[in-house]
Amino acid sequence: ESRPSPANQARYIREFVHQAHDRGWNYNL
């Protein structure tokens, strides 16, 4: 079910960073 693609990469990074900042997570991409 995991599909590499430019759109999926952009979606994951953008939505993860939004969630991480909203929840106060410390992260490294």
mmCIF file of all heavy atoms, coordinates in Angstrom:
data_MODEL
# 
_entry.id   MODEL 
# 
loop_
_atom_site.group_PDB 
_atom_site.id 
_atom_site.type_symbol 
_atom_site.label_atom_id 
_atom_site.label_alt_id 
_atom_site.label_comp_id 
_atom_site.label_asym_id 
_atom_site.label_entity_id 
_atom_site.label_seq_id 
_atom_site.pdbx_PDB_ins_code 
_atom_site.Cartn_x 
_atom_site.Cartn_y 
_atom_site.Cartn_z 
_atom_site.occupancy 
_atom_site.B_iso_or_equiv 
_atom_site.pdbx_formal_charge 
_atom_site.auth_seq_id 
_atom_site.auth_comp_id 
_atom_site.auth_asym_id 
_atom_site.auth_atom_id 
_atom_site.pdbx_PDB_model_num 
ATOM 1   N N   . GLU A 1 1  ? 0.806  -1.222 0.000  1.00 0.00 ? 1  GLU A N   1 
ATOM 2   C CA  . GLU A 1 1  ? 0.000  0.000  0.000  1.00 0.00 ? 1  GLU A CA  1 
ATOM 3   C C   . GLU A 1 1  ? 0.842  1.276  0.000  1.00 0.00 ? 1  GLU A C   1 
ATOM 4   O O   . GLU A 1 1  ? 0.314  2.366  -0.213 1.00 0.00 ? 1  GLU A O   1 
ATOM 5   C CB  . GLU A 1 1  ? -0.927 0.012  1.224  1.00 0.00 ? 1  GLU A CB  1 
ATOM 6   C CG  . GLU A 1 1  ? -1.970 -1.109 1.217  1.00 0.00 ? 1  GLU A CG  1 
ATOM 7   C CD  . GLU A 1 1  ? -2.882 -1.037 2.418  1.00 0.00 ? 1  GLU A CD  1 
ATOM 8   O OE1 . GLU A 1 1  ? -2.556 -0.291 3.367  1.00 0.00 ? 1  GLU A OE1 1 
ATOM 9   O OE2 . GLU A 1 1  ? -3.917 -1.717 2.414  1.00 0.00 ? 1  GLU A OE2 1 
ATOM 10  N N   . SER A 1 2  ? 2.120  1.163  0.227  1.00 0.00 ? 2  SER A N   1 
ATOM 11  C CA  . SER A 1 2  ? 2.991  2.342  0.280  1.00 0.00 ? 2  SER A CA  1 
ATOM 12  C C   . SER A 1 2  ? 3.532  2.637  -1.122 1.00 0.00 ? 2  SER A C   1 
ATOM 13  O O   . SER A 1 2  ? 4.324  1.862  -1.659 1.00 0.00 ? 2  SER A O   1 
ATOM 14  C CB  . SER A 1 2  ? 4.158  2.101  1.246  1.00 0.00 ? 2  SER A CB  1 
ATOM 15  O OG  . SER A 1 2  ? 3.704  2.004  2.572  1.00 0.00 ? 2  SER A OG  1 
ATOM 16  N N   . ARG A 1 3  ? 3.105  3.765  -1.690 1.00 0.00 ? 3  ARG A N   1 
ATOM 17  C CA  . ARG A 1 3  ? 3.491  4.106  -3.063 1.00 0.00 ? 3  ARG A CA  1 
ATOM 18  C C   . ARG A 1 3  ? 4.408  5.317  -3.086 1.00 0.00 ? 3  ARG A C   1 
ATOM 19  O O   . ARG A 1 3  ? 4.008  6.415  -2.686 1.00 0.00 ? 3  ARG A O   1 
ATOM 20  C CB  . ARG A 1 3  ? 2.254  4.400  -3.913 1.00 0.00 ? 3  ARG A CB  1 
ATOM 21  C CG  . ARG A 1 3  ? 2.573  4.722  -5.382 1.00 0.00 ? 3  ARG A CG  1 
ATOM 22  C CD  . ARG A 1 3  ? 1.309  4.851  -6.198 1.00 0.00 ? 3  ARG A CD  1 
ATOM 23  N NE  . ARG A 1 3  ? 0.562  6.047  -5.858 1.00 0.00 ? 3  ARG A NE  1 
ATOM 24  C CZ  . ARG A 1 3  ? 0.720  7.230  -6.469 1.00 0.00 ? 3  ARG A CZ  1 
ATOM 25  N NH1 . ARG A 1 3  ? 1.615  7.353  -7.441 1.00 0.00 ? 3  ARG A NH1 1 
ATOM 26  N NH2 . ARG A 1 3  ? -0.005 8.262  -6.117 1.00 0.00 ? 3  ARG A NH2 1 
ATOM 27  N N   . PRO A 1 4  ? 5.635  5.156  -3.556 1.00 0.00 ? 4  PRO A N   1 
ATOM 28  C CA  . PRO A 1 4  ? 6.506  6.318  -3.729 1.00 0.00 ? 4  PRO A CA  1 
ATOM 29  C C   . PRO A 1 4  ? 6.005  7.175  -4.892 1.00 0.00 ? 4  PRO A C   1 
ATOM 30  O O   . PRO A 1 4  ? 5.676  6.645  -5.954 1.00 0.00 ? 4  PRO A O   1 
ATOM 31  C CB  . PRO A 1 4  ? 7.876  5.716  -4.054 1.00 0.00 ? 4  PRO A CB  1 
ATOM 32  C CG  . PRO A 1 4  ? 7.756  4.256  -3.760 1.00 0.00 ? 4  PRO A CG  1 
ATOM 33  C CD  . PRO A 1 4  ? 6.317  3.905  -3.920 1.00 0.00 ? 4  PRO A CD  1 
ATOM 34  N N   . SER A 1 5  ? 5.956  8.470  -4.692 1.00 0.00 ? 5  SER A N   1 
ATOM 35  C CA  . SER A 1 5  ? 5.586  9.374  -5.781 1.00 0.00 ? 5  SER A CA  1 
ATOM 36  C C   . SER A 1 5  ? 5.889  10.797 -5.332 1.00 0.00 ? 5  SER A C   1 
ATOM 37  O O   . SER A 1 5  ? 5.918  11.084 -4.127 1.00 0.00 ? 5  SER A O   1 
ATOM 38  C CB  . SER A 1 5  ? 4.104  9.246  -6.141 1.00 0.00 ? 5  SER A CB  1 
ATOM 39  O OG  . SER A 1 5  ? 3.292  9.905  -5.182 1.00 0.00 ? 5  SER A OG  1 
ATOM 40  N N   . PRO A 1 6  ? 6.100  11.711 -6.282 1.00 0.00 ? 6  PRO A N   1 
ATOM 41  C CA  . PRO A 1 6  ? 6.327  13.110 -5.896 1.00 0.00 ? 6  PRO A CA  1 
ATOM 42  C C   . PRO A 1 6  ? 5.175  13.691 -5.090 1.00 0.00 ? 6  PRO A C   1 
ATOM 43  O O   . PRO A 1 6  ? 5.403  14.412 -4.102 1.00 0.00 ? 6  PRO A O   1 
ATOM 44  C CB  . PRO A 1 6  ? 6.478  13.813 -7.254 1.00 0.00 ? 6  PRO A CB  1 
ATOM 45  C CG  . PRO A 1 6  ? 6.996  12.744 -8.169 1.00 0.00 ? 6  PRO A CG  1 
ATOM 46  C CD  . PRO A 1 6  ? 6.306  11.484 -7.723 1.00 0.00 ? 6  PRO A CD  1 
ATOM 47  N N   . ALA A 1 7  ? 3.939  13.396 -5.501 1.00 0.00 ? 7  ALA A N   1 
ATOM 48  C CA  . ALA A 1 7  ? 2.801  13.946 -4.773 1.00 0.00 ? 7  ALA A CA  1 
ATOM 49  C C   . ALA A 1 7  ? 2.701  13.368 -3.365 1.00 0.00 ? 7  ALA A C   1 
ATOM 50  O O   . ALA A 1 7  ? 2.418  14.088 -2.396 1.00 0.00 ? 7  ALA A O   1 
ATOM 51  C CB  . ALA A 1 7  ? 1.507  13.682 -5.541 1.00 0.00 ? 7  ALA A CB  1 
ATOM 52  N N   . ASN A 1 8  ? 2.932  12.061 -3.226 1.00 0.00 ? 8  ASN A N   1 
ATOM 53  C CA  . ASN A 1 8  ? 2.870  11.450 -1.897 1.00 0.00 ? 8  ASN A CA  1 
ATOM 54  C C   . ASN A 1 8  ? 3.982  11.960 -0.994 1.00 0.00 ? 8  ASN A C   1 
ATOM 55  O O   . ASN A 1 8  ? 3.781  12.130 0.216  1.00 0.00 ? 8  ASN A O   1 
ATOM 56  C CB  . ASN A 1 8  ? 2.941  9.926  -2.014 1.00 0.00 ? 8  ASN A CB  1 
ATOM 57  C CG  . ASN A 1 8  ? 1.608  9.323  -2.408 1.00 0.00 ? 8  ASN A CG  1 
ATOM 58  O OD1 . ASN A 1 8  ? 0.591  10.004 -2.460 1.00 0.00 ? 8  ASN A OD1 1 
ATOM 59  N ND2 . ASN A 1 8  ? 1.609  8.041  -2.711 1.00 0.00 ? 8  ASN A ND2 1 
ATOM 60  N N   . GLN A 1 9  ? 5.168  12.185 -1.549 1.00 0.00 ? 9  GLN A N   1 
ATOM 61  C CA  . GLN A 1 9  ? 6.241  12.736 -0.731 1.00 0.00 ? 9  GLN A CA  1 
ATOM 62  C C   . GLN A 1 9  ? 5.882  14.134 -0.244 1.00 0.00 ? 9  GLN A C   1 
ATOM 63  O O   . GLN A 1 9  ? 6.037  14.448 0.944  1.00 0.00 ? 9  GLN A O   1 
ATOM 64  C CB  . GLN A 1 9  ? 7.550  12.796 -1.515 1.00 0.00 ? 9  GLN A CB  1 
ATOM 65  C CG  . GLN A 1 9  ? 8.709  13.309 -0.665 1.00 0.00 ? 9  GLN A CG  1 
ATOM 66  C CD  . GLN A 1 9  ? 9.992  13.501 -1.446 1.00 0.00 ? 9  GLN A CD  1 
ATOM 67  O OE1 . GLN A 1 9  ? 9.996  14.085 -2.530 1.00 0.00 ? 9  GLN A OE1 1 
ATOM 68  N NE2 . GLN A 1 9  ? 11.097 13.002 -0.904 1.00 0.00 ? 9  GLN A NE2 1 
ATOM 69  N N   . ALA A 1 10 ? 5.402  14.969 -1.155 1.00 0.00 ? 10 ALA A N   1 
ATOM 70  C CA  . ALA A 1 10 ? 5.016  16.323 -0.768 1.00 0.00 ? 10 ALA A CA  1 
ATOM 71  C C   . ALA A 1 10 ? 3.914  16.293 0.285  1.00 0.00 ? 10 ALA A C   1 
ATOM 72  O O   . ALA A 1 10 ? 3.958  17.033 1.282  1.00 0.00 ? 10 ALA A O   1 
ATOM 73  C CB  . ALA A 1 10 ? 4.552  17.099 -1.992 1.00 0.00 ? 10 ALA A CB  1 
ATOM 74  N N   . ARG A 1 11 ? 2.938  15.426 0.079  1.00 0.00 ? 11 ARG A N   1 
ATOM 75  C CA  . ARG A 1 11 ? 1.826  15.338 1.029  1.00 0.00 ? 11 ARG A CA  1 
ATOM 76  C C   . ARG A 1 11 ? 2.309  14.907 2.401  1.00 0.00 ? 11 ARG A C   1 
ATOM 77  O O   . ARG A 1 11 ? 1.918  15.500 3.422  1.00 0.00 ? 11 ARG A O   1 
ATOM 78  C CB  . ARG A 1 11 ? 0.776  14.363 0.501  1.00 0.00 ? 11 ARG A CB  1 
ATOM 79  C CG  . ARG A 1 11 ? -0.384 14.162 1.451  1.00 0.00 ? 11 ARG A CG  1 
ATOM 80  C CD  . ARG A 1 11 ? -1.409 13.200 0.890  1.00 0.00 ? 11 ARG A CD  1 
ATOM 81  N NE  . ARG A 1 11 ? -2.470 12.950 1.858  1.00 0.00 ? 11 ARG A NE  1 
ATOM 82  C CZ  . ARG A 1 11 ? -3.483 12.117 1.657  1.00 0.00 ? 11 ARG A CZ  1 
ATOM 83  N NH1 . ARG A 1 11 ? -3.582 11.468 0.512  1.00 0.00 ? 11 ARG A NH1 1 
ATOM 84  N NH2 . ARG A 1 11 ? -4.393 11.938 2.598  1.00 0.00 ? 11 ARG A NH2 1 
ATOM 85  N N   . TYR A 1 12 ? 3.151  13.888 2.426  1.00 0.00 ? 12 TYR A N   1 
ATOM 86  C CA  . TYR A 1 12 ? 3.616  13.397 3.730  1.00 0.00 ? 12 TYR A CA  1 
ATOM 87  C C   . TYR A 1 12 ? 4.408  14.471 4.469  1.00 0.00 ? 12 TYR A C   1 
ATOM 88  O O   . TYR A 1 12 ? 4.157  14.733 5.648  1.00 0.00 ? 12 TYR A O   1 
ATOM 89  C CB  . TYR A 1 12 ? 4.475  12.147 3.561  1.00 0.00 ? 12 TYR A CB  1 
ATOM 90  C CG  . TYR A 1 12 ? 4.920  11.580 4.887  1.00 0.00 ? 12 TYR A CG  1 
ATOM 91  C CD1 . TYR A 1 12 ? 4.106  10.700 5.594  1.00 0.00 ? 12 TYR A CD1 1 
ATOM 92  C CD2 . TYR A 1 12 ? 6.132  11.957 5.472  1.00 0.00 ? 12 TYR A CD2 1 
ATOM 93  C CE1 . TYR A 1 12 ? 4.486  10.201 6.832  1.00 0.00 ? 12 TYR A CE1 1 
ATOM 94  C CE2 . TYR A 1 12 ? 6.513  11.477 6.708  1.00 0.00 ? 12 TYR A CE2 1 
ATOM 95  C CZ  . TYR A 1 12 ? 5.691  10.591 7.380  1.00 0.00 ? 12 TYR A CZ  1 
ATOM 96  O OH  . TYR A 1 12 ? 6.069  10.115 8.611  1.00 0.00 ? 12 TYR A OH  1 
ATOM 97  N N   . ILE A 1 13 ? 5.364  15.091 3.783  1.00 0.00 ? 13 ILE A N   1 
ATOM 98  C CA  . ILE A 1 13 ? 6.206  16.086 4.452  1.00 0.00 ? 13 ILE A CA  1 
ATOM 99  C C   . ILE A 1 13 ? 5.368  17.250 4.944  1.00 0.00 ? 13 ILE A C   1 
ATOM 100 O O   . ILE A 1 13 ? 5.485  17.683 6.108  1.00 0.00 ? 13 ILE A O   1 
ATOM 101 C CB  . ILE A 1 13 ? 7.311  16.574 3.498  1.00 0.00 ? 13 ILE A CB  1 
ATOM 102 C CG1 . ILE A 1 13 ? 8.272  15.431 3.144  1.00 0.00 ? 13 ILE A CG1 1 
ATOM 103 C CG2 . ILE A 1 13 ? 8.072  17.756 4.123  1.00 0.00 ? 13 ILE A CG2 1 
ATOM 104 C CD1 . ILE A 1 13 ? 9.049  14.889 4.306  1.00 0.00 ? 13 ILE A CD1 1 
ATOM 105 N N   . ARG A 1 14 ? 4.516  17.769 4.098  1.00 0.00 ? 14 ARG A N   1 
ATOM 106 C CA  . ARG A 1 14 ? 3.731  18.949 4.467  1.00 0.00 ? 14 ARG A CA  1 
ATOM 107 C C   . ARG A 1 14 ? 2.762  18.651 5.611  1.00 0.00 ? 14 ARG A C   1 
ATOM 108 O O   . ARG A 1 14 ? 2.642  19.433 6.562  1.00 0.00 ? 14 ARG A O   1 
ATOM 109 C CB  . ARG A 1 14 ? 2.995  19.467 3.229  1.00 0.00 ? 14 ARG A CB  1 
ATOM 110 C CG  . ARG A 1 14 ? 3.936  20.221 2.292  1.00 0.00 ? 14 ARG A CG  1 
ATOM 111 C CD  . ARG A 1 14 ? 3.443  20.344 0.865  1.00 0.00 ? 14 ARG A CD  1 
ATOM 112 N NE  . ARG A 1 14 ? 2.139  20.970 0.730  1.00 0.00 ? 14 ARG A NE  1 
ATOM 113 C CZ  . ARG A 1 14 ? 1.651  21.396 -0.429 1.00 0.00 ? 14 ARG A CZ  1 
ATOM 114 N NH1 . ARG A 1 14 ? 2.378  21.277 -1.540 1.00 0.00 ? 14 ARG A NH1 1 
ATOM 115 N NH2 . ARG A 1 14 ? 0.452  21.943 -0.494 1.00 0.00 ? 14 ARG A NH2 1 
ATOM 116 N N   . GLU A 1 15 ? 2.095  17.506 5.541  1.00 0.00 ? 15 GLU A N   1 
ATOM 117 C CA  . GLU A 1 15 ? 1.128  17.181 6.590  1.00 0.00 ? 15 GLU A CA  1 
ATOM 118 C C   . GLU A 1 15 ? 1.816  16.742 7.877  1.00 0.00 ? 15 GLU A C   1 
ATOM 119 O O   . GLU A 1 15 ? 1.328  17.040 8.977  1.00 0.00 ? 15 GLU A O   1 
ATOM 120 C CB  . GLU A 1 15 ? 0.164  16.120 6.069  1.00 0.00 ? 15 GLU A CB  1 
ATOM 121 C CG  . GLU A 1 15 ? -0.708 16.644 4.929  1.00 0.00 ? 15 GLU A CG  1 
ATOM 122 C CD  . GLU A 1 15 ? -1.717 15.635 4.423  1.00 0.00 ? 15 GLU A CD  1 
ATOM 123 O OE1 . GLU A 1 15 ? -1.732 14.482 4.937  1.00 0.00 ? 15 GLU A OE1 1 
ATOM 124 O OE2 . GLU A 1 15 ? -2.492 15.986 3.507  1.00 0.00 ? 15 GLU A OE2 1 
ATOM 125 N N   . PHE A 1 16 ? 2.949  16.060 7.755  1.00 0.00 ? 16 PHE A N   1 
ATOM 126 C CA  . PHE A 1 16 ? 3.674  15.684 8.969  1.00 0.00 ? 16 PHE A CA  1 
ATOM 127 C C   . PHE A 1 16 ? 4.186  16.912 9.695  1.00 0.00 ? 16 PHE A C   1 
ATOM 128 O O   . PHE A 1 16 ? 4.045  17.023 10.933 1.00 0.00 ? 16 PHE A O   1 
ATOM 129 C CB  . PHE A 1 16 ? 4.854  14.769 8.651  1.00 0.00 ? 16 PHE A CB  1 
ATOM 130 C CG  . PHE A 1 16 ? 5.771  14.580 9.832  1.00 0.00 ? 16 PHE A CG  1 
ATOM 131 C CD1 . PHE A 1 16 ? 5.470  13.665 10.834 1.00 0.00 ? 16 PHE A CD1 1 
ATOM 132 C CD2 . PHE A 1 16 ? 6.912  15.371 9.988  1.00 0.00 ? 16 PHE A CD2 1 
ATOM 133 C CE1 . PHE A 1 16 ? 6.289  13.526 11.952 1.00 0.00 ? 16 PHE A CE1 1 
ATOM 134 C CE2 . PHE A 1 16 ? 7.732  15.235 11.105 1.00 0.00 ? 16 PHE A CE2 1 
ATOM 135 C CZ  . PHE A 1 16 ? 7.422  14.312 12.081 1.00 0.00 ? 16 PHE A CZ  1 
ATOM 136 N N   . VAL A 1 17 ? 4.810  17.829 8.973  1.00 0.00 ? 17 VAL A N   1 
ATOM 137 C CA  . VAL A 1 17 ? 5.364  19.028 9.625  1.00 0.00 ? 17 VAL A CA  1 
ATOM 138 C C   . VAL A 1 17 ? 4.253  19.832 10.286 1.00 0.00 ? 17 VAL A C   1 
ATOM 139 O O   . VAL A 1 17 ? 4.414  20.327 11.410 1.00 0.00 ? 17 VAL A O   1 
ATOM 140 C CB  . VAL A 1 17 ? 6.139  19.878 8.597  1.00 0.00 ? 17 VAL A CB  1 
ATOM 141 C CG1 . VAL A 1 17 ? 6.538  21.227 9.206  1.00 0.00 ? 17 VAL A CG1 1 
ATOM 142 C CG2 . VAL A 1 17 ? 7.381  19.135 8.121  1.00 0.00 ? 17 VAL A CG2 1 
ATOM 143 N N   . HIS A 1 18 ? 3.120  19.952 9.603  1.00 0.00 ? 18 HIS A N   1 
ATOM 144 C CA  . HIS A 1 18 ? 1.989  20.659 10.220 1.00 0.00 ? 18 HIS A CA  1 
ATOM 145 C C   . HIS A 1 18 ? 1.575  19.985 11.524 1.00 0.00 ? 18 HIS A C   1 
ATOM 146 O O   . HIS A 1 18 ? 1.377  20.646 12.555 1.00 0.00 ? 18 HIS A O   1 
ATOM 147 C CB  . HIS A 1 18 ? 0.811  20.685 9.246  1.00 0.00 ? 18 HIS A CB  1 
ATOM 148 C CG  . HIS A 1 18 ? -0.455 21.204 9.849  1.00 0.00 ? 18 HIS A CG  1 
ATOM 149 N ND1 . HIS A 1 18 ? -0.674 22.538 10.124 1.00 0.00 ? 18 HIS A ND1 1 
ATOM 150 C CD2 . HIS A 1 18 ? -1.582 20.553 10.256 1.00 0.00 ? 18 HIS A CD2 1 
ATOM 151 C CE1 . HIS A 1 18 ? -1.872 22.692 10.662 1.00 0.00 ? 18 HIS A CE1 1 
ATOM 152 N NE2 . HIS A 1 18 ? -2.441 21.507 10.746 1.00 0.00 ? 18 HIS A NE2 1 
ATOM 153 N N   . GLN A 1 19 ? 1.452  18.653 11.489 1.00 0.00 ? 19 GLN A N   1 
ATOM 154 C CA  . GLN A 1 19 ? 1.053  17.920 12.693 1.00 0.00 ? 19 GLN A CA  1 
ATOM 155 C C   . GLN A 1 19 ? 2.111  18.020 13.780 1.00 0.00 ? 19 GLN A C   1 
ATOM 156 O O   . GLN A 1 19 ? 1.787  18.208 14.963 1.00 0.00 ? 19 GLN A O   1 
ATOM 157 C CB  . GLN A 1 19 ? 0.807  16.453 12.332 1.00 0.00 ? 19 GLN A CB  1 
ATOM 158 C CG  . GLN A 1 19 ? 0.434  15.574 13.521 1.00 0.00 ? 19 GLN A CG  1 
ATOM 159 C CD  . GLN A 1 19 ? 0.004  14.187 13.106 1.00 0.00 ? 19 GLN A CD  1 
ATOM 160 O OE1 . GLN A 1 19 ? -1.157 13.960 12.797 1.00 0.00 ? 19 GLN A OE1 1 
ATOM 161 N NE2 . GLN A 1 19 ? 0.938  13.239 13.087 1.00 0.00 ? 19 GLN A NE2 1 
ATOM 162 N N   . ALA A 1 20 ? 3.379  17.910 13.405 1.00 0.00 ? 20 ALA A N   1 
ATOM 163 C CA  . ALA A 1 20 ? 4.464  17.955 14.391 1.00 0.00 ? 20 ALA A CA  1 
ATOM 164 C C   . ALA A 1 20 ? 4.531  19.305 15.086 1.00 0.00 ? 20 ALA A C   1 
ATOM 165 O O   . ALA A 1 20 ? 4.688  19.381 16.315 1.00 0.00 ? 20 ALA A O   1 
ATOM 166 C CB  . ALA A 1 20 ? 5.794  17.647 13.714 1.00 0.00 ? 20 ALA A CB  1 
ATOM 167 N N   . HIS A 1 21 ? 4.394  20.381 14.322 1.00 0.00 ? 21 HIS A N   1 
ATOM 168 C CA  . HIS A 1 21 ? 4.435  21.709 14.924 1.00 0.00 ? 21 HIS A CA  1 
ATOM 169 C C   . HIS A 1 21 ? 3.199  21.945 15.784 1.00 0.00 ? 21 HIS A C   1 
ATOM 170 O O   . HIS A 1 21 ? 3.278  22.587 16.839 1.00 0.00 ? 21 HIS A O   1 
ATOM 171 C CB  . HIS A 1 21 ? 4.551  22.766 13.829 1.00 0.00 ? 21 HIS A CB  1 
ATOM 172 C CG  . HIS A 1 21 ? 5.915  22.816 13.201 1.00 0.00 ? 21 HIS A CG  1 
ATOM 173 N ND1 . HIS A 1 21 ? 6.525  23.982 12.813 1.00 0.00 ? 21 HIS A ND1 1 
ATOM 174 C CD2 . HIS A 1 21 ? 6.801  21.837 12.892 1.00 0.00 ? 21 HIS A CD2 1 
ATOM 175 C CE1 . HIS A 1 21 ? 7.718  23.721 12.299 1.00 0.00 ? 21 HIS A CE1 1 
ATOM 176 N NE2 . HIS A 1 21 ? 7.895  22.411 12.334 1.00 0.00 ? 21 HIS A NE2 1 
ATOM 177 N N   . ASP A 1 22 ? 2.065  21.428 15.324 1.00 0.00 ? 22 ASP A N   1 
ATOM 178 C CA  . ASP A 1 22 ? 0.825  21.612 16.080 1.00 0.00 ? 22 ASP A CA  1 
ATOM 179 C C   . ASP A 1 22 ? 0.870  20.858 17.404 1.00 0.00 ? 22 ASP A C   1 
ATOM 180 O O   . ASP A 1 22 ? 0.336  21.329 18.424 1.00 0.00 ? 22 ASP A O   1 
ATOM 181 C CB  . ASP A 1 22 ? -0.351 21.135 15.235 1.00 0.00 ? 22 ASP A CB  1 
ATOM 182 C CG  . ASP A 1 22 ? -1.693 21.467 15.852 1.00 0.00 ? 22 ASP A CG  1 
ATOM 183 O OD1 . ASP A 1 22 ? -1.906 22.653 16.165 1.00 0.00 ? 22 ASP A OD1 1 
ATOM 184 O OD2 . ASP A 1 22 ? -2.526 20.547 16.030 1.00 0.00 ? 22 ASP A OD2 1 
ATOM 185 N N   . ARG A 1 23 ? 1.537  19.682 17.416 1.00 0.00 ? 23 ARG A N   1 
ATOM 186 C CA  . ARG A 1 23 ? 1.579  18.855 18.623 1.00 0.00 ? 23 ARG A CA  1 
ATOM 187 C C   . ARG A 1 23 ? 2.843  19.048 19.442 1.00 0.00 ? 23 ARG A C   1 
ATOM 188 O O   . ARG A 1 23 ? 3.002  18.429 20.483 1.00 0.00 ? 23 ARG A O   1 
ATOM 189 C CB  . ARG A 1 23 ? 1.461  17.370 18.238 1.00 0.00 ? 23 ARG A CB  1 
ATOM 190 C CG  . ARG A 1 23 ? 0.168  17.019 17.524 1.00 0.00 ? 23 ARG A CG  1 
ATOM 191 C CD  . ARG A 1 23 ? 0.015  15.523 17.399 1.00 0.00 ? 23 ARG A CD  1 
ATOM 192 N NE  . ARG A 1 23 ? -1.200 15.149 16.690 1.00 0.00 ? 23 ARG A NE  1 
ATOM 193 C CZ  . ARG A 1 23 ? -1.828 13.998 16.825 1.00 0.00 ? 23 ARG A CZ  1 
ATOM 194 N NH1 . ARG A 1 23 ? -1.340 13.093 17.683 1.00 0.00 ? 23 ARG A NH1 1 
ATOM 195 N NH2 . ARG A 1 23 ? -2.918 13.718 16.138 1.00 0.00 ? 23 ARG A NH2 1 
ATOM 196 N N   . GLY A 1 24 ? 3.750  19.871 18.937 1.00 0.00 ? 24 GLY A N   1 
ATOM 197 C CA  . GLY A 1 24 ? 4.978  20.134 19.683 1.00 0.00 ? 24 GLY A CA  1 
ATOM 198 C C   . GLY A 1 24 ? 5.993  19.005 19.633 1.00 0.00 ? 24 GLY A C   1 
ATOM 199 O O   . GLY A 1 24 ? 6.805  18.860 20.550 1.00 0.00 ? 24 GLY A O   1 
ATOM 200 N N   . TRP A 1 25 ? 5.980  18.210 18.557 1.00 0.00 ? 25 TRP A N   1 
ATOM 201 C CA  . TRP A 1 25 ? 6.954  17.127 18.434 1.00 0.00 ? 25 TRP A CA  1 
ATOM 202 C C   . TRP A 1 25 ? 8.311  17.680 18.020 1.00 0.00 ? 25 TRP A C   1 
ATOM 203 O O   . TRP A 1 25 ? 8.403  18.639 17.245 1.00 0.00 ? 25 TRP A O   1 
ATOM 204 C CB  . TRP A 1 25 ? 6.509  16.124 17.380 1.00 0.00 ? 25 TRP A CB  1 
ATOM 205 C CG  . TRP A 1 25 ? 5.275  15.350 17.716 1.00 0.00 ? 25 TRP A CG  1 
ATOM 206 C CD1 . TRP A 1 25 ? 4.653  15.256 18.919 1.00 0.00 ? 25 TRP A CD1 1 
ATOM 207 C CD2 . TRP A 1 25 ? 4.498  14.562 16.798 1.00 0.00 ? 25 TRP A CD2 1 
ATOM 208 N NE1 . TRP A 1 25 ? 3.553  14.454 18.838 1.00 0.00 ? 25 TRP A NE1 1 
ATOM 209 C CE2 . TRP A 1 25 ? 3.429  14.013 17.543 1.00 0.00 ? 25 TRP A CE2 1 
ATOM 210 C CE3 . TRP A 1 25 ? 4.599  14.263 15.460 1.00 0.00 ? 25 TRP A CE3 1 
ATOM 211 C CZ2 . TRP A 1 25 ? 2.466  13.185 16.965 1.00 0.00 ? 25 TRP A CZ2 1 
ATOM 212 C CZ3 . TRP A 1 25 ? 3.652  13.440 14.870 1.00 0.00 ? 25 TRP A CZ3 1 
ATOM 213 C CH2 . TRP A 1 25 ? 2.599  12.906 15.620 1.00 0.00 ? 25 TRP A CH2 1 
ATOM 214 N N   . ASN A 1 26 ? 9.346  17.052 18.493 1.00 0.00 ? 26 ASN A N   1 
ATOM 215 C CA  . ASN A 1 26 ? 10.700 17.341 18.016 1.00 0.00 ? 26 ASN A CA  1 
ATOM 216 C C   . ASN A 1 26 ? 11.021 16.306 16.940 1.00 0.00 ? 26 ASN A C   1 
ATOM 217 O O   . ASN A 1 26 ? 10.799 15.110 17.138 1.00 0.00 ? 26 ASN A O   1 
ATOM 218 C CB  . ASN A 1 26 ? 11.699 17.244 19.168 1.00 0.00 ? 26 ASN A CB  1 
ATOM 219 C CG  . ASN A 1 26 ? 13.007 17.926 18.844 1.00 0.00 ? 26 ASN A CG  1 
ATOM 220 O OD1 . ASN A 1 26 ? 13.118 18.641 17.855 1.00 0.00 ? 26 ASN A OD1 1 
ATOM 221 N ND2 . ASN A 1 26 ? 14.006 17.699 19.666 1.00 0.00 ? 26 ASN A ND2 1 
ATOM 222 N N   . TYR A 1 27 ? 11.554 16.752 15.804 1.00 0.00 ? 27 TYR A N   1 
ATOM 223 C CA  . TYR A 1 27 ? 11.701 15.816 14.687 1.00 0.00 ? 27 TYR A CA  1 
ATOM 224 C C   . TYR A 1 27 ? 12.893 16.177 13.809 1.00 0.00 ? 27 TYR A C   1 
ATOM 225 O O   . TYR A 1 27 ? 13.414 17.298 13.834 1.00 0.00 ? 27 TYR A O   1 
ATOM 226 C CB  . TYR A 1 27 ? 10.433 15.808 13.822 1.00 0.00 ? 27 TYR A CB  1 
ATOM 227 C CG  . TYR A 1 27 ? 10.187 17.109 13.095 1.00 0.00 ? 27 TYR A CG  1 
ATOM 228 C CD1 . TYR A 1 27 ? 10.790 17.382 11.868 1.00 0.00 ? 27 TYR A CD1 1 
ATOM 229 C CD2 . TYR A 1 27 ? 9.357  18.089 13.649 1.00 0.00 ? 27 TYR A CD2 1 
ATOM 230 C CE1 . TYR A 1 27 ? 10.584 18.567 11.211 1.00 0.00 ? 27 TYR A CE1 1 
ATOM 231 C CE2 . TYR A 1 27 ? 9.144  19.281 13.005 1.00 0.00 ? 27 TYR A CE2 1 
ATOM 232 C CZ  . TYR A 1 27 ? 9.757  19.527 11.778 1.00 0.00 ? 27 TYR A CZ  1 
ATOM 233 O OH  . TYR A 1 27 ? 9.560  20.728 11.136 1.00 0.00 ? 27 TYR A OH  1 
ATOM 234 N N   . ASN A 1 28 ? 13.280 15.195 13.011 1.00 0.00 ? 28 ASN A N   1 
ATOM 235 C CA  . ASN A 1 28 ? 14.269 15.354 11.957 1.00 0.00 ? 28 ASN A CA  1 
ATOM 236 C C   . ASN A 1 28 ? 13.760 14.602 10.738 1.00 0.00 ? 28 ASN A C   1 
ATOM 237 O O   . ASN A 1 28 ? 13.411 13.423 10.821 1.00 0.00 ? 28 ASN A O   1 
ATOM 238 C CB  . ASN A 1 28 ? 15.625 14.777 12.393 1.00 0.00 ? 28 ASN A CB  1 
ATOM 239 C CG  . ASN A 1 28 ? 16.624 14.727 11.243 1.00 0.00 ? 28 ASN A CG  1 
ATOM 240 O OD1 . ASN A 1 28 ? 17.194 15.732 10.864 1.00 0.00 ? 28 ASN A OD1 1 
ATOM 241 N ND2 . ASN A 1 28 ? 16.828 13.539 10.674 1.00 0.00 ? 28 ASN A ND2 1 
ATOM 242 N N   . LEU A 1 29 ? 13.691 15.288 9.596  1.00 0.00 ? 29 LEU A N   1 
ATOM 243 C CA  . LEU A 1 29 ? 13.200 14.667 8.371  1.00 0.00 ? 29 LEU A CA  1 
ATOM 244 C C   . LEU A 1 29 ? 14.337 13.990 7.616  1.00 0.00 ? 29 LEU A C   1 
ATOM 245 O O   . LEU A 1 29 ? 15.454 14.499 7.575  1.00 0.00 ? 29 LEU A O   1 
ATOM 246 C CB  . LEU A 1 29 ? 12.566 15.730 7.461  1.00 0.00 ? 29 LEU A CB  1 
ATOM 247 C CG  . LEU A 1 29 ? 11.323 16.434 7.989  1.00 0.00 ? 29 LEU A CG  1 
ATOM 248 C CD1 . LEU A 1 29 ? 10.927 17.575 7.059  1.00 0.00 ? 29 LEU A CD1 1 
ATOM 249 C CD2 . LEU A 1 29 ? 10.172 15.458 8.149  1.00 0.00 ? 29 LEU A CD2 1 
# 
